[in-house]
Amino acid sequence: MAPVTNGRIIFNSIPEGFPVPGETTVYDTSDTIDIDTVTLDGGYLIKTLELSIDPYMRGRMRAPSKKSYSDPYFVGKPLNGFGVGAVIRSEHPEVQVGDHLSGYLDHQQYIIKKDLKGLQKINNSYNLPWSTFIGVLGMPGKTSYMAWKEFSHAKKGETVFVSTGAGPVGSLVIQLAKRDGLKVIGSAGSDEKVKFMKEIGADVAFNYKTTKTTEVLEKEGPIDIYWDNVGGETLDAALNAANIYGRFIECGMISGYNNGHSTGIKNLFQVVAKSLTVSGFIIFRLEAKYGDEFYKTLPPLVASGEIKYTEDVYNGLDKVGDAILAVQKGTNKAKAIVHVADD
């Protein structure tokens, strides 16, 4: 077979503010690969099928000297992140042609790997779409399920407030909270997203761009649990609306990701006054404890439709930059997936 283009997404420059498609990231087609004859040296060849675009990726677009929990992207090198790929050739004893793998993949069409580091074989016994394994059954789903189990200490009849409640993390949190018998308040940035939150069980759902968060929480609270995806003014409002002994689960603070800082918190003393528990987490620190339980519990619920999810699919590797910007601005309609190739 003649060589084919091996497109890839290159990290081109460190952004100031929002990442700009074509400047921060560039779709590069200069590389080619002969998928039938390329040397594997005992490894295996993956065809990338699906890529996950997630909020945390913005934090990796930084100077290497700036330390964080995640590795930085390097200018001139391909992006990488969670994805699903199909094995199309293998010389590796543990990997077979036809295996599907999920985990960290470079953002390029074909990838040669030497081992299974950062990857795992997918057991798709329910014949679910491959994209679910980087969404509701991937890192976002694990984030929701594992942190809810670890930190919510939920009791039937309590009230939880979930910010970014229509996103892949928040929407699963809403459904887990309803299964635990809680009253759920959810916020999102569009009327379409508000509709989805109601469809998955939110008792109160509102558009924070047209309705004041403080007014909703004053009416519907106090809140016993706050799942925080945004930080800033929303966190401040939740602190003020918290019940005594409330639990705050700090998952993300996207309001500050693209301006270098988060809005100052005015109500932090409420942590003392209301005896609040504030728990921050990084998901890989919980996986050893909850990994087996997650894969036993969630796939059948997703397959049966008891747990619902939505996706916003961008077709083509060249759309990665657009998807990244949409996630940072909140204009994506659901879990952002870049569909690179069919199986």
Foldseek 3Di string as FASTA:
>chain_A
DDKDFKKFKFQAAQDQFFFDAPHRIDIDRPDIDDQVDDDQPQWFKWFFFKDFFDLCLLVLSDDQVDDDPDHHHDGPAFDKWWGKTATCGGNHPVDDHGWIKIFIDTLIGMDRDNDQVGIDTDDPVLPDPRVVCCFCVHDLVLLQVQLCVVFQPDAAAAEEEEEQCQERNNVQNLLVNVVRHYAYEYEAADPLSQVVSVVSPHPHYDHCVVDPLLVVLVVPDLHQEYEDAADAPNVLSNLVSHAQQHEYEDEHHLVCSRNPDGHDRDNVCSCVVRVYHYDYDDSVVRCVPCVVVSVVPPPVCVSVVVRDFDEQEAEASSCSSVLNSCNSVVVGPYRYMYGHDDD
